[in-house]
Amino acid sequence: MRVEPVVLPPRSPNLNAHCERFVRSIKEEALGRIIFIGEGSLRDAIHHYMTHYHSERNHQGLENRWPNRRSEAK
């Protein structure tokens, strides 16, 4: 597969903006509001947030449409 990692300079969040935005979203919208009792509850919360993020939550990059409704709006 020959996958080569790209090493980013330290303290350069703008070079990885998509990941930084996702981490900020999941922290503010889900993980910062729950007290977790073990790894299982953390995994469950992440699973529910990912389902919400990819199917129910509107996205600014899609003109505030839902991802699963992109084809309906065209």
PDB file of N, CA and C in Angstrom:
ATOM      1  N   MET A   1       0.811  -1.181   0.000  1.00  0.00           N
ATOM      2  CA  MET A   1       0.000   0.000   0.000  1.00  0.00           C
ATOM      3  C   MET A   1       0.861   1.254   0.000  1.00  0.00           C
ATOM      4  N   ARG A   2       2.039   1.164   0.530  1.00  0.00           N
ATOM      5  CA  ARG A   2       3.003   2.272   0.509  1.00  0.00           C
ATOM      6  C   ARG A   2       2.418   3.594   0.985  1.00  0.00           C
ATOM      7  N   VAL A   3       1.817   3.579   2.137  1.00  0.00           N
ATOM      8  CA  VAL A   3       1.259   4.803   2.712  1.00  0.00           C
ATOM      9  C   VAL A   3       2.367   5.518   3.457  1.00  0.00           C
ATOM     10  N   GLU A   4       2.595   6.761   3.133  1.00  0.00           N
ATOM     11  CA  GLU A   4       3.629   7.562   3.777  1.00  0.00           C
ATOM     12  C   GLU A   4       2.974   8.609   4.674  1.00  0.00           C
ATOM     13  N   PRO A   5       3.335   8.671   5.954  1.00  0.00           N
ATOM     14  CA  PRO A   5       2.754   9.699   6.826  1.00  0.00           C
ATOM     15  C   PRO A   5       3.307  11.081   6.476  1.00  0.00           C
ATOM     16  N   VAL A   6       2.477  12.080   6.653  1.00  0.00           N
ATOM     17  CA  VAL A   6       2.897  13.460   6.440  1.00  0.00           C
ATOM     18  C   VAL A   6       3.074  14.080   7.816  1.00  0.00           C
ATOM     19  N   VAL A   7       4.277  14.453   8.147  1.00  0.00           N
ATOM     20  CA  VAL A   7       4.567  15.032   9.455  1.00  0.00           C
ATOM     21  C   VAL A   7       4.309  16.533   9.392  1.00  0.00           C
ATOM     22  N   LEU A   8       3.412  17.003  10.254  1.00  0.00           N
ATOM     23  CA  LEU A   8       3.079  18.424  10.293  1.00  0.00           C
ATOM     24  C   LEU A   8       3.916  19.120  11.355  1.00  0.00           C
ATOM     25  N   PRO A   9       4.230  20.384  11.144  1.00  0.00           N
ATOM     26  CA  PRO A   9       4.968  21.108  12.182  1.00  0.00           C
ATOM     27  C   PRO A   9       4.112  21.261  13.442  1.00  0.00           C
ATOM     28  N   PRO A  10       4.739  21.300  14.610  1.00  0.00           N
ATOM     29  CA  PRO A  10       3.971  21.464  15.842  1.00  0.00           C
ATOM     30  C   PRO A  10       3.252  22.813  15.875  1.00  0.00           C
ATOM     31  N   ARG A  11       2.105  22.812  16.546  1.00  0.00           N
ATOM     32  CA  ARG A  11       1.286  24.022  16.749  1.00  0.00           C
ATOM     33  C   ARG A  11       0.892  24.684  15.432  1.00  0.00           C
ATOM     34  N   SER A  12       0.421  23.882  14.491  1.00  0.00           N
ATOM     35  CA  SER A  12      -0.020  24.424  13.203  1.00  0.00           C
ATOM     36  C   SER A  12      -1.401  23.866  12.853  1.00  0.00           C
ATOM     37  N   PRO A  13      -2.445  24.279  13.585  1.00  0.00           N
ATOM     38  CA  PRO A  13      -3.774  23.708  13.362  1.00  0.00           C
ATOM     39  C   PRO A  13      -4.361  24.034  11.995  1.00  0.00           C
ATOM     40  N   ASN A  14      -3.931  25.102  11.349  1.00  0.00           N
ATOM     41  CA  ASN A  14      -4.501  25.462  10.056  1.00  0.00           C
ATOM     42  C   ASN A  14      -4.098  24.500   8.949  1.00  0.00           C
ATOM     43  N   LEU A  15      -3.058  23.718   9.161  1.00  0.00           N
ATOM     44  CA  LEU A  15      -2.645  22.747   8.157  1.00  0.00           C
ATOM     45  C   LEU A  15      -3.555  21.519   8.155  1.00  0.00           C
ATOM     46  N   ASN A  16      -4.329  21.348   9.192  1.00  0.00           N
ATOM     47  CA  ASN A  16      -5.209  20.188   9.314  1.00  0.00           C
ATOM     48  C   ASN A  16      -6.599  20.671   9.723  1.00  0.00           C
ATOM     49  N   ALA A  17      -7.128  21.634   8.986  1.00  0.00           N
ATOM     50  CA  ALA A  17      -8.346  22.350   9.385  1.00  0.00           C
ATOM     51  C   ALA A  17      -9.567  21.447   9.472  1.00  0.00           C
ATOM     52  N   HIS A  18      -9.711  20.485   8.574  1.00  0.00           N
ATOM     53  CA  HIS A  18     -10.897  19.620   8.602  1.00  0.00           C
ATOM     54  C   HIS A  18     -10.931  18.776   9.873  1.00  0.00           C
ATOM     55  N   CYS A  19      -9.803  18.209  10.245  1.00  0.00           N
ATOM     56  CA  CYS A  19      -9.750  17.410  11.472  1.00  0.00           C
ATOM     57  C   CYS A  19      -9.948  18.281  12.700  1.00  0.00           C
ATOM     58  N   GLU A  20      -9.333  19.457  12.699  1.00  0.00           N
ATOM     59  CA  GLU A  20      -9.481  20.360  13.835  1.00  0.00           C
ATOM     60  C   GLU A  20     -10.938  20.767  14.017  1.00  0.00           C
ATOM     61  N   ARG A  21     -11.650  21.013  12.934  1.00  0.00           N
ATOM     62  CA  ARG A  21     -13.053  21.407  13.010  1.00  0.00           C
ATOM     63  C   ARG A  21     -13.912  20.265  13.523  1.00  0.00           C
ATOM     64  N   PHE A  22     -13.634  19.046  13.073  1.00  0.00           N
ATOM     65  CA  PHE A  22     -14.400  17.904  13.555  1.00  0.00           C
ATOM     66  C   PHE A  22     -14.168  17.685  15.047  1.00  0.00           C
ATOM     67  N   VAL A  23     -12.925  17.751  15.475  1.00  0.00           N
ATOM     68  CA  VAL A  23     -12.614  17.551  16.893  1.00  0.00           C
ATOM     69  C   VAL A  23     -13.311  18.619  17.732  1.00  0.00           C
ATOM     70  N   ARG A  24     -13.296  19.850  17.263  1.00  0.00           N
ATOM     71  CA  ARG A  24     -13.982  20.923  17.987  1.00  0.00           C
ATOM     72  C   ARG A  24     -15.488  20.665  18.053  1.00  0.00           C
ATOM     73  N   SER A  25     -16.082  20.217  16.946  1.00  0.00           N
ATOM     74  CA  SER A  25     -17.518  19.937  16.915  1.00  0.00           C
ATOM     75  C   SER A  25     -17.896  18.825  17.879  1.00  0.00           C
ATOM     76  N   ILE A  26     -17.165  17.707  17.840  1.00  0.00           N
ATOM     77  CA  ILE A  26     -17.546  16.582  18.698  1.00  0.00           C
ATOM     78  C   ILE A  26     -17.332  16.924  20.178  1.00  0.00           C
ATOM     79  N   LYS A  27     -16.308  17.714  20.479  1.00  0.00           N
ATOM     80  CA  LYS A  27     -16.088  18.121  21.866  1.00  0.00           C
ATOM     81  C   LYS A  27     -17.216  19.019  22.364  1.00  0.00           C
ATOM     82  N   GLU A  28     -17.584  20.026  21.563  1.00  0.00           N
ATOM     83  CA  GLU A  28     -18.595  20.995  21.997  1.00  0.00           C
ATOM     84  C   GLU A  28     -20.002  20.421  21.986  1.00  0.00           C
ATOM     85  N   GLU A  29     -20.327  19.616  20.977  1.00  0.00           N
ATOM     86  CA  GLU A  29     -21.695  19.159  20.813  1.00  0.00           C
ATOM     87  C   GLU A  29     -22.007  17.865  21.551  1.00  0.00           C
ATOM     88  N   ALA A  30     -21.007  17.080  21.884  1.00  0.00           N
ATOM     89  CA  ALA A  30     -21.297  15.786  22.500  1.00  0.00           C
ATOM     90  C   ALA A  30     -20.452  15.507  23.736  1.00  0.00           C
ATOM     91  N   LEU A  31     -19.152  15.446  23.584  1.00  0.00           N
ATOM     92  CA  LEU A  31     -18.306  14.940  24.664  1.00  0.00           C
ATOM     93  C   LEU A  31     -18.205  15.877  25.856  1.00  0.00           C
ATOM     94  N   GLY A  32     -18.368  17.164  25.644  1.00  0.00           N
ATOM     95  CA  GLY A  32     -18.270  18.111  26.740  1.00  0.00           C
ATOM     96  C   GLY A  32     -19.512  18.176  27.602  1.00  0.00           C
ATOM     97  N   ARG A  33     -20.577  17.472  27.221  1.00  0.00           N
ATOM     98  CA  ARG A  33     -21.852  17.550  27.941  1.00  0.00           C
ATOM     99  C   ARG A  33     -22.206  16.268  28.681  1.00  0.00           C
ATOM    100  N   ILE A  34     -21.328  15.280  28.647  1.00  0.00           N
ATOM    101  CA  ILE A  34     -21.642  13.965  29.207  1.00  0.00           C
ATOM    102  C   ILE A  34     -20.555  13.562  30.197  1.00  0.00           C
ATOM    103  N   ILE A  35     -20.969  12.916  31.271  1.00  0.00           N
ATOM    104  CA  ILE A  35     -20.014  12.300  32.189  1.00  0.00           C
ATOM    105  C   ILE A  35     -19.975  10.817  31.844  1.00  0.00           C
ATOM    106  N   PHE A  36     -18.813  10.318  31.483  1.00  0.00           N
ATOM    107  CA  PHE A  36     -18.687   8.946  31.017  1.00  0.00           C
ATOM    108  C   PHE A  36     -18.341   8.014  32.157  1.00  0.00           C
ATOM    109  N   ILE A  37     -18.959   6.839  32.137  1.00  0.00           N
ATOM    110  CA  ILE A  37     -18.680   5.797  33.117  1.00  0.00           C
ATOM    111  C   ILE A  37     -18.020   4.661  32.348  1.00  0.00           C
ATOM    112  N   GLY A  38     -16.739   4.777  32.102  1.00  0.00           N
ATOM    113  CA  GLY A  38     -16.006   3.730  31.405  1.00  0.00           C
ATOM    114  C   GLY A  38     -15.914   3.959  29.903  1.00  0.00           C
ATOM    115  N   GLU A  39     -15.102   3.123  29.292  1.00  0.00           N
ATOM    116  CA  GLU A  39     -14.839   3.226  27.862  1.00  0.00           C
ATOM    117  C   GLU A  39     -16.070   2.897  27.030  1.00  0.00           C
ATOM    118  N   GLY A  40     -16.911   1.995  27.509  1.00  0.00           N
ATOM    119  CA  GLY A  40     -18.113   1.611  26.766  1.00  0.00           C
ATOM    120  C   GLY A  40     -19.066   2.773  26.562  1.00  0.00           C
ATOM    121  N   SER A  41     -19.264   3.580  27.588  1.00  0.00           N
ATOM    122  CA  SER A  41     -20.173   4.719  27.437  1.00  0.00           C
ATOM    123  C   SER A  41     -19.571   5.784  26.519  1.00  0.00           C
ATOM    124  N   LEU A  42     -18.250   5.941  26.535  1.00  0.00           N
ATOM    125  CA  LEU A  42     -17.592   6.865  25.614  1.00  0.00           C
ATOM    126  C   LEU A  42     -17.754   6.392  24.170  1.00  0.00           C
ATOM    127  N   ARG A  43     -17.525   5.106  23.928  1.00  0.00           N
ATOM    128  CA  ARG A  43     -17.684   4.558  22.575  1.00  0.00           C
ATOM    129  C   ARG A  43     -19.129   4.696  22.093  1.00  0.00           C
ATOM    130  N   ASP A  44     -20.078   4.458  22.978  1.00  0.00           N
ATOM    131  CA  ASP A  44     -21.491   4.580  22.626  1.00  0.00           C
ATOM    132  C   ASP A  44     -21.839   6.022  22.259  1.00  0.00           C
ATOM    133  N   ALA A  45     -21.342   6.977  23.035  1.00  0.00           N
ATOM    134  CA  ALA A  45     -21.600   8.391  22.747  1.00  0.00           C
ATOM    135  C   ALA A  45     -20.980   8.800  21.414  1.00  0.00           C
ATOM    136  N   ILE A  46     -19.776   8.338  21.130  1.00  0.00           N
ATOM    137  CA  ILE A  46     -19.122   8.657  19.856  1.00  0.00           C
ATOM    138  C   ILE A  46     -19.894   8.036  18.699  1.00  0.00           C
ATOM    139  N   HIS A  47     -20.357   6.800  18.865  1.00  0.00           N
ATOM    140  CA  HIS A  47     -21.136   6.146  17.813  1.00  0.00           C
ATOM    141  C   HIS A  47     -22.417   6.934  17.518  1.00  0.00           C
ATOM    142  N   HIS A  48     -23.130   7.340  18.555  1.00  0.00           N
ATOM    143  CA  HIS A  48     -24.369   8.103  18.355  1.00  0.00           C
ATOM    144  C   HIS A  48     -24.086   9.464  17.721  1.00  0.00           C
ATOM    145  N   TYR A  49     -23.000  10.107  18.122  1.00  0.00           N
ATOM    146  CA  TYR A  49     -22.669  11.400  17.522  1.00  0.00           C
ATOM    147  C   TYR A  49     -22.291  11.238  16.053  1.00  0.00           C
ATOM    148  N   MET A  50     -21.529  10.211  15.721  1.00  0.00           N
ATOM    149  CA  MET A  50     -21.136   9.993  14.327  1.00  0.00           C
ATOM    150  C   MET A  50     -22.358   9.728  13.451  1.00  0.00           C
ATOM    151  N   THR A  51     -23.317   8.973  13.967  1.00  0.00           N
ATOM    152  CA  THR A  51     -24.562   8.739  13.231  1.00  0.00           C
ATOM    153  C   THR A  51     -25.279  10.061  12.996  1.00  0.00           C
ATOM    154  N   HIS A  52     -25.375  10.861  14.035  1.00  0.00           N
ATOM    155  CA  HIS A  52     -26.006  12.184  13.923  1.00  0.00           C
ATOM    156  C   HIS A  52     -25.231  13.081  12.964  1.00  0.00           C
ATOM    157  N   TYR A  53     -23.928  13.094  13.064  1.00  0.00           N
ATOM    158  CA  TYR A  53     -23.074  13.976  12.258  1.00  0.00           C
ATOM    159  C   TYR A  53     -23.186  13.655  10.771  1.00  0.00           C
ATOM    160  N   HIS A  54     -23.256  12.372  10.430  1.00  0.00           N
ATOM    161  CA  HIS A  54     -23.251  11.976   9.023  1.00  0.00           C
ATOM    162  C   HIS A  54     -24.643  11.850   8.409  1.00  0.00           C
ATOM    163  N   SER A  55     -25.703  11.869   9.218  1.00  0.00           N
ATOM    164  CA  SER A  55     -27.017  11.676   8.604  1.00  0.00           C
ATOM    165  C   SER A  55     -28.046  12.724   8.981  1.00  0.00           C
ATOM    166  N   GLU A  56     -27.969  13.306  10.164  1.00  0.00           N
ATOM    167  CA  GLU A  56     -29.024  14.210  10.611  1.00  0.00           C
ATOM    168  C   GLU A  56     -28.597  15.672  10.687  1.00  0.00           C
ATOM    169  N   ARG A  57     -27.333  15.933  10.870  1.00  0.00           N
ATOM    170  CA  ARG A  57     -26.841  17.289  11.111  1.00  0.00           C
ATOM    171  C   ARG A  57     -26.601  18.000   9.789  1.00  0.00           C
ATOM    172  N   ASN A  58     -27.107  19.241   9.676  1.00  0.00           N
ATOM    173  CA  ASN A  58     -26.848  19.987   8.443  1.00  0.00           C
ATOM    174  C   ASN A  58     -25.410  20.488   8.429  1.00  0.00           C
ATOM    175  N   HIS A  59     -24.857  20.687   7.228  1.00  0.00           N
ATOM    176  CA  HIS A  59     -23.458  21.060   7.062  1.00  0.00           C
ATOM    177  C   HIS A  59     -23.351  22.351   6.272  1.00  0.00           C
ATOM    178  N   GLN A  60     -22.534  23.271   6.755  1.00  0.00           N
ATOM    179  CA  GLN A  60     -22.348  24.540   6.062  1.00  0.00           C
ATOM    180  C   GLN A  60     -21.736  24.332   4.687  1.00  0.00           C
ATOM    181  N   GLY A  61     -20.873  23.365   4.538  1.00  0.00           N
ATOM    182  CA  GLY A  61     -20.241  23.101   3.249  1.00  0.00           C
ATOM    183  C   GLY A  61     -21.229  22.599   2.204  1.00  0.00           C
ATOM    184  N   LEU A  62     -22.393  22.158   2.647  1.00  0.00           N
ATOM    185  CA  LEU A  62     -23.437  21.689   1.734  1.00  0.00           C
ATOM    186  C   LEU A  62     -24.593  22.682   1.688  1.00  0.00           C
ATOM    187  N   GLU A  63     -24.286  23.960   1.916  1.00  0.00           N
ATOM    188  CA  GLU A  63     -25.285  25.028   1.944  1.00  0.00           C
ATOM    189  C   GLU A  63     -26.376  24.733   2.975  1.00  0.00           C
ATOM    190  N   ASN A  64     -25.969  24.258   4.142  1.00  0.00           N
ATOM    191  CA  ASN A  64     -26.835  23.918   5.276  1.00  0.00           C
ATOM    192  C   ASN A  64     -27.873  22.857   4.960  1.00  0.00           C
ATOM    193  N   ARG A  65     -27.571  21.992   3.987  1.00  0.00           N
ATOM    194  CA  ARG A  65     -28.438  20.844   3.709  1.00  0.00           C
ATOM    195  C   ARG A  65     -27.915  19.645   4.484  1.00  0.00           C
ATOM    196  N   TRP A  66     -28.766  18.671   4.630  1.00  0.00           N
ATOM    197  CA  TRP A  66     -28.359  17.428   5.271  1.00  0.00           C
ATOM    198  C   TRP A  66     -27.582  16.589   4.275  1.00  0.00           C
ATOM    199  N   PRO A  67     -26.544  15.884   4.715  1.00  0.00           N
ATOM    200  CA  PRO A  67     -25.720  15.109   3.784  1.00  0.00           C
ATOM    201  C   PRO A  67     -26.497  14.065   2.995  1.00  0.00           C
ATOM    202  N   ASN A  68     -27.456  13.379   3.628  1.00  0.00           N
ATOM    203  CA  ASN A  68     -28.174  12.327   2.927  1.00  0.00           C
ATOM    204  C   ASN A  68     -29.278  12.874   2.026  1.00  0.00           C
ATOM    205  N   ARG A  69     -29.443  14.182   1.960  1.00  0.00           N
ATOM    206  CA  ARG A  69     -30.463  14.784   1.098  1.00  0.00           C
ATOM    207  C   ARG A  69     -29.860  15.620  -0.003  1.00  0.00           C
ATOM    208  N   ARG A  70     -28.578  15.434  -0.295  1.00  0.00           N
ATOM    209  CA  ARG A  70     -27.913  16.212  -1.341  1.00  0.00           C
ATOM    210  C   ARG A  70     -28.563  15.985  -2.692  1.00  0.00           C
ATOM    211  N   SER A  71     -28.914  14.764  -2.983  1.00  0.00           N
ATOM    212  CA  SER A  71     -29.483  14.472  -4.304  1.00  0.00           C
ATOM    213  C   SER A  71     -30.897  15.012  -4.443  1.00  0.00           C
ATOM    214  N   GLU A  72     -31.645  15.151  -3.330  1.00  0.00           N
ATOM    215  CA  GLU A  72     -33.002  15.663  -3.396  1.00  0.00           C
ATOM    216  C   GLU A  72     -33.036  17.143  -3.725  1.00  0.00           C
ATOM    217  N   ALA A  73     -32.019  17.902  -3.299  1.00  0.00           N
ATOM    218  CA  ALA A  73     -32.023  19.350  -3.474  1.00  0.00           C
ATOM    219  C   ALA A  73     -31.646  19.770  -4.895  1.00  0.00           C
ATOM    220  N   LYS A  74     -31.024  18.886  -5.646  1.00  0.00           N
ATOM    221  CA  LYS A  74     -30.574  19.238  -7.007  1.00  0.00           C
ATOM    222  C   LYS A  74     -31.675  19.176  -8.017  1.00  0.00           C
TER     223      LYS A  74
END
